[in-house]
Protein backbone atom coordinates (compact mmCIF):
# COMPACT_ATOMS: atom_id res chain seq x y z
CA MET A 1 -10.85 66.19 71.79
CA LEU A 2 -10.63 63.95 68.64
CA ALA A 3 -13.61 62.97 66.60
CA CYS A 4 -14.57 59.34 66.21
CA PRO A 5 -15.21 57.84 62.78
CA GLY A 6 -18.90 58.55 63.27
CA GLY A 7 -18.11 62.31 63.61
CA GLU A 8 -18.53 62.48 67.38
CA ALA A 9 -16.16 64.53 69.46
CA MET A 10 -13.39 62.67 71.23
CA PRO A 11 -12.02 63.48 74.64
CA GLY A 12 -9.73 66.55 74.49
CA GLY A 13 -12.20 68.76 72.55
CA GLY A 14 -11.68 70.42 69.14
CA PRO A 15 -13.58 70.26 65.85
CA PRO A 16 -14.31 66.93 64.12
CA ALA A 17 -11.49 65.64 61.77
CA ASP A 18 -11.82 65.55 57.93
CA LEU A 19 -12.36 61.89 57.08
CA SER A 20 -13.11 62.33 53.36
CA PHE A 21 -10.04 60.21 52.41
CA LEU A 22 -11.86 57.22 53.80
CA ARG A 23 -14.59 57.52 51.13
CA PRO A 24 -14.63 54.42 48.87
CA GLU A 25 -15.43 56.51 45.77
CA SER A 26 -11.90 57.91 45.90
CA GLN A 27 -10.26 54.45 45.60
CA PRO A 28 -9.06 53.54 42.04
CA THR A 29 -10.01 50.15 40.62
CA THR A 30 -8.22 47.85 38.12
CA SER A 31 -8.43 44.23 36.89
CA ASP A 32 -5.92 41.44 36.28
CA GLU A 33 -5.18 40.63 32.65
CA THR A 34 -3.84 37.58 30.77
CA VAL A 35 -2.19 37.99 27.39
CA VAL A 36 -0.46 35.71 24.94
CA ALA A 37 3.13 36.56 24.15
CA GLY A 38 3.13 38.77 21.07
CA GLY A 39 -0.38 40.05 21.77
CA THR A 40 -1.73 43.32 23.19
CA VAL A 41 -2.87 43.96 26.76
CA VAL A 42 -5.12 46.84 27.83
CA LEU A 43 -4.84 48.27 31.36
CA LYS A 44 -7.77 50.34 32.64
CA CYS A 45 -7.84 52.36 35.87
CA GLN A 46 -11.04 54.06 37.07
CA VAL A 47 -12.04 56.19 40.05
CA GLU A 48 -15.43 57.65 40.95
CA ASP A 49 -14.15 60.77 42.71
CA PRO A 50 -10.72 61.89 41.55
CA ASP A 51 -10.72 64.73 44.10
CA ASP A 52 -9.02 67.03 41.58
CA SER A 53 -6.10 64.61 41.25
CA SER A 54 -4.62 62.80 38.24
CA LEU A 55 -4.25 59.11 37.67
CA GLN A 56 -0.92 57.44 36.94
CA TRP A 57 0.22 54.04 35.58
CA SER A 58 3.61 52.50 36.48
CA ASN A 59 5.22 49.18 35.52
CA PRO A 60 6.47 46.37 37.81
CA ALA A 61 9.81 48.19 38.06
CA GLN A 62 7.89 51.25 39.40
CA GLN A 63 8.71 53.26 36.29
CA THR A 64 5.97 55.74 35.41
CA LEU A 65 4.36 54.94 32.10
CA TYR A 66 1.71 57.68 31.90
CA PHE A 67 0.76 60.51 34.24
CA GLY A 68 -2.60 61.65 33.02
CA GLU A 69 -2.13 62.41 29.31
CA LYS A 70 1.64 62.74 29.55
CA ARG A 71 3.93 59.91 28.41
CA ALA A 72 6.68 59.29 30.92
CA LEU A 73 8.51 56.29 29.43
CA ARG A 74 9.78 56.27 25.87
CA ASP A 75 8.43 52.90 24.71
CA ASN A 76 6.45 52.98 21.49
CA ARG A 77 4.70 49.74 22.40
CA ILE A 78 2.86 51.63 25.19
CA GLN A 79 0.04 53.85 23.95
CA LEU A 80 -2.58 56.06 25.61
CA GLU A 81 -6.09 54.80 24.94
CA ARG A 82 -8.20 57.11 27.16
CA SER A 83 -7.54 59.84 29.71
CA THR A 84 -10.28 61.59 31.74
CA PRO A 85 -10.45 62.74 35.35
CA ASN A 86 -12.14 59.43 36.20
CA GLU A 87 -10.21 57.01 33.91
CA LEU A 88 -6.74 56.35 32.58
CA THR A 89 -6.45 53.50 30.05
CA ILE A 90 -3.24 52.43 28.27
CA SER A 91 -2.28 49.51 26.00
CA ILE A 92 0.94 47.53 25.59
CA SER A 93 1.44 45.79 22.22
CA ASP A 94 3.87 43.03 21.21
CA VAL A 95 3.92 41.77 24.76
CA VAL A 96 6.95 39.73 25.78
CA LEU A 97 7.49 37.48 28.76
CA SER A 98 9.42 40.19 30.60
CA ASP A 99 6.31 42.40 30.58
CA GLU A 100 4.69 40.08 33.10
CA GLY A 101 4.18 41.41 36.64
CA GLU A 102 2.13 43.81 38.78
CA TYR A 103 1.24 47.19 37.28
CA THR A 104 0.18 49.99 39.66
CA CYS A 105 -2.48 52.65 39.18
CA SER A 106 -2.12 55.59 41.58
CA ILE A 107 -4.17 58.70 42.41
CA PHE A 108 -2.31 61.45 44.19
CA THR A 109 -4.70 62.45 46.92
CA MET A 110 -3.90 62.83 50.58
CA PRO A 111 -2.95 60.09 51.18
CA VAL A 112 -2.02 58.50 47.82
CA ARG A 113 -4.32 55.70 46.85
CA THR A 114 -3.19 52.75 44.60
CA ALA A 115 -4.58 49.66 42.90
CA LYS A 116 -2.66 46.69 41.49
CA ALA A 117 -3.23 44.87 38.16
CA LEU A 118 -1.45 41.53 37.63
CA VAL A 119 -0.48 40.92 33.99
CA THR A 120 0.16 37.27 33.10
CA VAL A 121 1.98 36.55 29.84
CA LEU A 122 1.43 33.10 28.31
CA GLY A 123 4.36 31.48 26.54
CA ILE A 124 3.27 29.84 23.29
CA PRO A 125 4.59 26.26 22.96
CA GLN A 126 6.65 25.49 19.90
CA LYS A 127 5.54 22.93 17.35
CA PRO A 128 6.19 19.49 18.84
CA GLN A 129 8.88 17.21 17.44
CA ILE A 130 8.78 13.40 17.30
CA PHE A 131 11.93 11.34 17.79
CA GLY A 132 12.52 7.61 17.39
CA HIS A 133 11.00 7.09 13.93
CA GLU A 134 14.15 7.77 11.92
CA GLN A 135 14.98 4.08 11.34
CA PRO A 136 12.56 1.37 10.15
CA ILE A 137 11.19 -0.90 12.87
CA ASP A 138 10.95 -4.67 12.38
CA GLU A 139 7.49 -6.14 12.80
CA GLU A 140 6.63 -7.53 16.25
CA LYS A 141 9.23 -5.22 17.79
CA ILE A 142 8.51 -2.39 20.27
CA ALA A 143 8.37 1.14 18.86
CA ARG A 144 9.57 3.80 21.33
CA LEU A 145 8.73 7.36 20.35
CA THR A 146 9.33 10.68 22.14
CA CYS A 147 7.48 13.96 21.59
CA ARG A 148 8.99 17.25 22.79
CA SER A 149 7.75 20.85 22.85
CA SER A 150 9.52 23.93 24.29
CA GLY A 151 8.56 27.50 25.15
CA SER A 152 5.26 26.93 26.92
CA LYS A 153 4.20 28.93 29.97
CA PRO A 154 2.71 27.37 31.94
CA ALA A 155 3.83 23.86 30.97
CA ALA A 156 1.82 22.41 28.04
CA GLN A 157 0.07 19.06 27.77
CA LEU A 158 0.98 16.48 25.10
CA ARG A 159 -1.20 13.68 23.72
CA TRP A 160 -0.67 10.88 21.17
CA LYS A 161 -2.69 9.25 18.38
CA LYS A 162 -1.95 6.44 15.91
CA GLY A 163 -4.35 6.88 13.06
CA ASN A 164 -7.66 7.55 14.82
CA LYS A 165 -6.72 5.65 17.96
CA GLU A 166 -5.54 7.38 21.12
CA LEU A 167 -2.23 6.17 22.58
CA LYS A 168 -1.52 6.27 26.28
CA ALA A 169 1.72 8.02 27.21
CA GLU A 170 4.24 6.03 29.24
CA GLY A 171 5.56 9.15 30.98
CA THR A 172 5.83 12.94 30.86
CA GLU A 173 8.77 15.16 31.85
CA VAL A 174 8.73 18.94 32.43
CA VAL A 175 11.99 20.94 32.44
CA GLU A 176 12.39 24.70 32.98
CA ASP A 177 13.95 26.53 30.06
CA PRO A 178 17.19 28.53 30.52
CA ASN A 179 15.23 31.81 30.52
CA GLY A 180 13.61 30.78 33.79
CA LYS A 181 10.12 31.57 32.52
CA THR A 182 9.06 28.86 30.05
CA PHE A 183 9.12 25.07 30.07
CA THR A 184 10.01 22.14 27.83
CA VAL A 185 7.65 19.18 27.97
CA SER A 186 8.53 15.65 26.81
CA SER A 187 6.22 12.65 26.46
CA ARG A 188 7.04 9.00 25.68
CA VAL A 189 4.92 6.28 24.13
CA GLU A 190 5.59 2.58 23.45
CA PHE A 191 3.67 0.01 21.40
CA ARG A 192 4.27 -3.20 19.44
CA VAL A 193 4.17 -2.80 15.65
CA THR A 194 2.79 -5.15 13.00
CA LYS A 195 2.95 -5.12 9.21
CA GLU A 196 -0.34 -3.19 9.19
CA ASP A 197 1.49 -0.32 10.95
CA ASN A 198 3.67 0.29 7.90
CA ASP A 199 2.99 3.86 6.70
CA ALA A 200 0.69 4.40 9.71
CA GLU A 201 0.54 8.03 10.89
CA VAL A 202 1.51 8.82 14.47
CA THR A 203 0.50 12.29 15.69
CA CYS A 204 1.68 14.27 18.72
CA THR A 205 -0.50 17.23 19.67
CA VAL A 206 0.26 19.99 22.18
CA ASP A 207 -2.62 21.52 24.17
CA HIS A 208 -2.17 24.95 25.77
CA GLU A 209 -4.40 27.84 26.74
CA SER A 210 -2.32 30.21 24.63
CA LEU A 211 -3.43 28.40 21.47
CA GLN A 212 -7.01 29.63 21.97
CA ASN A 213 -8.89 26.44 21.03
CA SER A 214 -6.56 25.66 18.13
CA GLU A 215 -4.20 22.71 17.84
CA ARG A 216 -0.49 22.53 17.19
CA SER A 217 0.65 19.05 16.18
CA THR A 218 3.21 17.00 14.26
CA THR A 219 2.58 13.81 12.27
CA GLN A 220 5.12 11.20 11.24
CA LYS A 221 4.73 7.98 9.23
CA LEU A 222 6.07 4.72 10.60
CA GLN A 223 8.27 2.49 8.47
CA VAL A 224 7.85 -1.16 9.42
CA HIS A 225 9.95 -3.95 7.92
CA TYR A 226 8.01 -7.20 7.56
CA LYS A 227 8.47 -10.64 6.01
CA PRO A 228 7.81 -11.03 2.28
CA THR A 229 4.88 -12.80 0.62
CA ALA A 230 4.73 -14.18 -2.92
CA LYS A 231 2.34 -15.68 -5.46
CA ILE A 232 2.81 -16.91 -9.03
CA GLU A 233 0.64 -15.46 -11.79
CA PRO A 234 0.60 -16.99 -15.32
CA HIS A 235 0.40 -14.86 -18.46
CA PRO A 236 -1.77 -15.77 -20.29
CA LEU A 237 -4.02 -17.02 -17.55
CA TYR A 238 -4.96 -20.20 -19.48
CA PRO A 239 -1.85 -21.42 -21.34
CA ARG A 240 -2.01 -24.01 -24.15
CA GLU A 241 0.49 -26.25 -25.83
CA GLY A 242 2.52 -24.38 -28.43
CA GLU A 243 1.90 -20.97 -26.88
CA LYS A 244 4.31 -18.65 -25.07
CA LEU A 245 3.95 -18.62 -21.27
CA GLN A 246 5.31 -16.23 -18.65
CA LEU A 247 5.21 -17.08 -14.95
CA GLN A 248 5.55 -13.97 -12.78
CA CYS A 249 6.54 -14.34 -9.14
CA ASP A 250 4.78 -11.40 -7.49
CA GLY A 251 6.74 -10.68 -4.30
CA GLN A 252 5.44 -8.22 -1.72
CA GLY A 253 7.02 -6.95 1.48
CA ASN A 254 9.03 -4.18 3.07
CA PRO A 255 11.65 -4.19 1.76
CA VAL A 256 10.44 -5.66 -1.54
CA PRO A 257 12.15 -8.98 -2.47
CA GLN A 258 15.10 -8.40 -4.79
CA GLU A 259 16.16 -12.01 -5.50
CA PHE A 260 14.07 -14.75 -7.15
CA LEU A 261 15.09 -18.40 -7.46
CA TRP A 262 13.11 -20.56 -9.92
CA GLU A 263 13.13 -24.35 -9.62
CA LYS A 264 11.14 -27.31 -10.95
CA GLU A 265 10.22 -30.07 -8.55
CA GLY A 266 12.12 -33.20 -9.46
CA SER A 267 14.92 -31.27 -11.17
CA ASP A 268 18.34 -31.02 -9.53
CA ALA A 269 19.60 -27.80 -11.07
CA PRO A 270 17.80 -24.44 -10.55
CA LEU A 271 16.16 -22.95 -13.61
CA GLN A 272 16.94 -19.28 -12.92
CA LEU A 273 18.41 -17.08 -10.20
CA SER A 274 18.27 -13.31 -10.69
CA SER A 275 16.50 -10.12 -9.75
CA ASP A 276 14.03 -10.84 -12.56
CA SER A 277 10.80 -12.31 -11.20
CA ILE A 278 9.60 -13.70 -14.58
CA LEU A 279 10.20 -17.22 -15.94
CA ILE A 280 9.57 -17.49 -19.71
CA PHE A 281 8.53 -20.52 -21.78
CA PRO A 282 8.87 -19.49 -25.46
CA PHE A 283 7.01 -22.59 -26.76
CA LEU A 284 5.03 -24.78 -24.39
CA ASN A 285 5.06 -28.55 -24.79
CA LYS A 286 4.01 -31.47 -22.66
CA SER A 287 7.48 -31.95 -21.22
CA ASP A 288 7.08 -28.58 -19.46
CA SER A 289 4.34 -30.00 -17.24
CA GLY A 290 5.19 -30.07 -13.56
CA THR A 291 5.32 -28.02 -10.36
CA TYR A 292 7.37 -24.83 -10.47
CA VAL A 293 8.73 -23.24 -7.29
CA CYS A 294 9.67 -19.57 -6.82
CA THR A 295 11.69 -18.54 -3.75
CA ALA A 296 11.53 -14.76 -3.16
CA THR A 297 14.16 -13.35 -0.80
CA SER A 298 14.52 -10.00 0.99
CA SER A 299 16.51 -8.83 4.01
CA MET A 300 13.63 -10.02 6.21
CA GLY A 301 13.76 -13.61 4.92
CA SER A 302 12.46 -15.85 2.13
CA VAL A 303 9.09 -17.18 1.04
CA VAL A 304 8.12 -19.97 -1.38
CA ALA A 305 5.32 -19.95 -3.96
CA LYS A 306 4.30 -22.92 -6.15
CA TYR A 307 2.46 -23.31 -9.46
CA ASN A 308 1.19 -26.53 -11.08
CA LEU A 309 1.58 -26.45 -14.88
CA ASP A 310 -0.31 -29.14 -16.84
CA VAL A 311 0.31 -28.91 -20.58
CA SER A 312 -2.14 -31.02 -22.60
CA ASP A 313 -3.83 -30.99 -26.03
CA LEU A 314 -7.12 -29.89 -24.52
CA PRO A 315 -6.79 -27.78 -21.36
CA GLN A 316 -8.37 -29.24 -18.26
CA LEU A 317 -10.26 -27.49 -15.52
CA PRO A 318 -7.99 -26.35 -12.68
CA THR A 319 -7.86 -27.90 -9.23
CA PRO A 320 -6.54 -24.93 -7.22
CA HIS A 321 -5.49 -25.35 -3.61
CA VAL A 322 -3.89 -23.01 -1.11
CA HIS A 323 -0.93 -23.95 1.02
CA SER A 324 2.11 -22.33 2.55
CA THR A 325 5.62 -23.73 2.39
CA PRO A 326 8.61 -22.43 4.36
CA ALA A 327 11.72 -21.67 2.35
CA PRO A 328 14.23 -24.51 3.02
CA PRO A 329 17.75 -23.55 4.05
CA PRO A 330 20.41 -24.17 1.37
CA GLY A 331 22.08 -27.60 1.58
CA PRO A 332 25.58 -28.58 0.54
CA SER A 333 24.24 -30.24 -2.64
CA GLN A 334 22.75 -27.01 -3.99
CA PRO A 335 25.01 -25.37 -6.55
CA ILE A 336 24.04 -21.82 -5.57
CA SER A 337 24.81 -20.63 -2.06
CA HIS A 338 22.91 -17.82 -0.33
CA ALA A 339 23.57 -18.65 3.29
CA SER A 340 22.81 -15.23 4.72
CA SER A 341 19.41 -14.76 3.09
CA MET A 342 18.23 -18.36 3.39
CA ALA A 343 19.20 -18.59 7.05
CA THR A 344 16.74 -15.83 7.81
CA ALA A 345 13.96 -17.76 6.10
CA SER A 346 13.93 -20.44 8.79
CA SER A 347 12.89 -17.94 11.44
CA PHE A 348 9.40 -17.38 10.13
CA THR A 349 6.44 -19.02 8.40
CA PRO A 350 5.82 -17.57 4.94
CA ALA A 351 2.48 -16.46 3.64
CA PRO A 352 0.15 -18.95 1.90
CA VAL A 353 0.43 -19.35 -1.84
CA GLN A 354 -2.02 -20.65 -4.41
CA ASP A 355 -1.38 -23.30 -7.05
CA ALA A 356 -3.38 -23.18 -10.25
CA SER A 357 -3.56 -25.22 -13.46
CA PRO A 358 -4.60 -24.00 -16.90
CA VAL A 359 -8.34 -23.65 -17.55
CA PRO A 360 -9.86 -24.20 -21.02
CA SER A 361 -11.68 -21.49 -22.87
CA THR A 362 -15.24 -21.93 -24.20
CA SER A 363 -14.25 -21.64 -27.87
CA SER A 364 -11.82 -24.55 -27.59
CA THR A 365 -14.77 -26.99 -27.25
CA TYR A 366 -16.25 -25.83 -30.57
CA HIS A 367 -12.88 -26.14 -32.26
CA ALA A 368 -12.53 -29.69 -30.99
CA VAL A 369 -15.97 -30.69 -32.31
CA ILE A 370 -15.28 -29.21 -35.76
CA GLY A 371 -11.91 -30.94 -35.88
CA GLY A 372 -13.52 -34.28 -35.06
CA VAL A 373 -16.11 -33.94 -37.84
CA VAL A 374 -13.42 -33.06 -40.38
CA ALA A 375 -11.34 -36.06 -39.26
CA VAL A 376 -14.30 -38.42 -39.75
CA ILE A 377 -14.99 -37.07 -43.27
CA VAL A 378 -11.32 -37.47 -44.27
CA PHE A 379 -11.30 -41.01 -42.90
CA LEU A 380 -14.39 -41.94 -44.92
CA LEU A 381 -12.92 -40.51 -48.14
CA LEU A 382 -9.66 -42.42 -47.64
CA SER A 383 -11.56 -45.63 -46.97
CA LEU A 384 -13.60 -45.17 -50.18
CA LEU A 385 -10.46 -44.61 -52.25
CA ILE A 386 -8.85 -47.76 -50.85
CA VAL A 387 -11.90 -49.90 -51.67
CA LEU A 388 -12.16 -48.45 -55.17
CA GLY A 389 -8.46 -49.07 -55.85
CA HIS A 390 -8.69 -52.63 -54.60
CA TYR A 391 -11.68 -53.23 -56.88
CA LEU A 392 -9.89 -51.85 -59.96
CA ILE A 393 -6.81 -53.95 -59.28
CA ARG A 394 -8.87 -57.16 -59.10
CA HIS A 395 -10.68 -56.43 -62.44
CA LYS A 396 -8.09 -56.10 -65.24
CA GLY A 397 -9.07 -56.15 -68.95
CA VAL A 398 -7.38 -57.17 -72.30
CA CYS A 399 -8.24 -56.42 -75.88
CA VAL A 400 -7.81 -58.88 -78.81
CA ARG A 401 -7.29 -57.68 -82.41
CA HIS A 402 -6.67 -60.25 -85.16
CA GLY A 403 -5.55 -62.84 -82.61
CA GLU A 404 -3.16 -60.31 -80.92
CA THR A 405 -3.55 -59.43 -77.27
CA VAL A 406 -2.97 -55.78 -76.27
CA THR A 407 -3.60 -53.86 -73.05
CA SER A 408 -6.46 -51.47 -72.88
CA SER A 409 -4.02 -48.59 -72.41
CA ARG A 410 -2.73 -49.17 -75.99
CA ARG A 411 -6.18 -48.87 -77.47
CA GLN A 412 -6.26 -47.23 -80.84
CA ARG A 413 -9.12 -46.56 -83.16
CA PRO A 414 -9.23 -49.60 -85.48
CA ALA A 415 -12.25 -50.60 -87.34
CA GLU A 416 -12.97 -53.37 -84.90
CA VAL A 417 -11.26 -54.28 -81.63
CA MET A 418 -12.47 -56.97 -79.30
CA CYS A 419 -11.64 -56.50 -75.57
CA THR A 420 -11.97 -59.25 -73.09
CA TYR A 421 -12.23 -58.59 -69.30
CA LEU A 422 -11.36 -61.53 -67.16
CA THR A 423 -11.16 -61.73 -63.43
CA HIS A 424 -8.58 -64.04 -61.96
CA GLU A 425 -11.31 -66.29 -60.72
CA ALA A 426 -12.99 -66.40 -64.16
CA LYS A 427 -9.82 -67.51 -65.98
CA GLY A 428 -9.63 -70.80 -64.11
CA SER A 429 -13.18 -71.27 -62.98
CA ASP A 430 -14.15 -73.83 -65.60
CA ASP A 431 -12.10 -76.67 -64.22
CA ALA A 432 -11.52 -75.45 -60.64
CA PRO A 433 -13.50 -76.74 -57.68
CA ASP A 434 -12.98 -73.58 -55.62
CA ALA A 435 -11.83 -69.94 -55.90
CA ASP A 436 -8.25 -70.56 -54.82
CA THR A 437 -7.76 -73.21 -57.51
CA ALA A 438 -9.34 -70.92 -60.06
CA ILE A 439 -6.78 -68.21 -59.31
CA ILE A 440 -3.91 -70.71 -59.66
CA ASN A 441 -5.27 -72.01 -62.99
CA ALA A 442 -5.74 -68.41 -64.17
CA GLU A 443 -2.02 -67.72 -64.02
CA GLY A 444 -1.42 -69.94 -67.11
CA GLY A 445 -3.86 -67.78 -69.00
CA GLN A 446 -6.81 -68.93 -71.07
CA ALA A 447 -7.05 -66.40 -73.78
CA GLY A 448 -9.07 -68.62 -76.02
CA GLY A 449 -11.83 -69.43 -73.54
CA ASP A 450 -15.46 -68.54 -73.91
CA ASP A 451 -15.32 -65.29 -72.03
CA LYS A 452 -17.35 -62.18 -71.97
CA LYS A 453 -16.39 -60.00 -74.85
CA GLU A 454 -16.90 -56.38 -75.66
CA TYR A 455 -16.57 -54.74 -79.01
CA PHE A 456 -15.40 -51.21 -79.61
CA ILE A 457 -16.35 -49.64 -82.94
């Protein structure tokens, strides 16, 4: 008779069977482990009642690693951590992807009892790479970028950012690597670029559990080509007549303008065409007044900037205004031909430019006032000299000595000299009815008349 599991006798008689192998305390226990490639995994096997038997660890290929305290496989990466009748713990360092699988802990009782431990090895994704940024992108065009990362297990996740703004991926592709264990992940993103995107940073970040809350990312700067802008700046800021003036055409853009054409409105011939953006006036005069035009050209097109120059004795306050002017295409009458660069200019509207005229300084007002006062004083002095000279001319004198008439300039020092001073009117006034007749009569001379006399001793 056989015994039932409860210990009762079964039909057929005989003693009850030994059912100690069914005791749960004789069953070894393990746990599954996850490890990052290159890390260390610890495998622990425990049993409550070893029943005078030893514990053993074997790898997925059923090769014995340790039997109790004895090493069975010559692999220095595998080390014994703890060995007691109730526990056998080992460690595997520098884990590789091929170490992944089910490890078995066995206790050699009757029958042999086993427990499985699944070791999962995580493949670390490589640093992502961004493709599609190698060449500059023209503004208003679509940028198409691809981010790729290999070696992840399981497949990693990729995400995009432009500056601080998240970008939505257009699609993701996962491909198994040749080793059959890891994966390569690719992500694409598309967006329209503007001039503000020049030098903007685009970042691709890979997220994976093997990175343990850290990030692995790549950042690239965008290069955006955009249309040029220009403005004219005078040096000095407030030019005056007679001074030296430099007009600088400040061209901005990507690429930076490399050609500058200077013209004056109303003039047929261009003033200057070169890579130099400065127009120089060594000595300003009023004939330099007018509107000057600078055309800055790059591979993205041309832009026009204007400046109103008003040369006057006293600078006037400016009347600035802002306007934009497209660069005209070259005509057949223009002596300088740049068909390729000017043709591009007609495809866009250039940036606004500002015209400015010279502005007077505060000290110039004081100088003008002082100059006016000096001019008035000089005028008064000249007027006084003219009146005095006219008076002296109209009042000539003669001297008489012993009946001889001599000029006052021949005066000597005689004992007695009589000088007579006669005006033209006085010489003929005795018999003349008016002043004009007196002057005519005076021409004949009347030296012997009763005139005013003066004696010099």
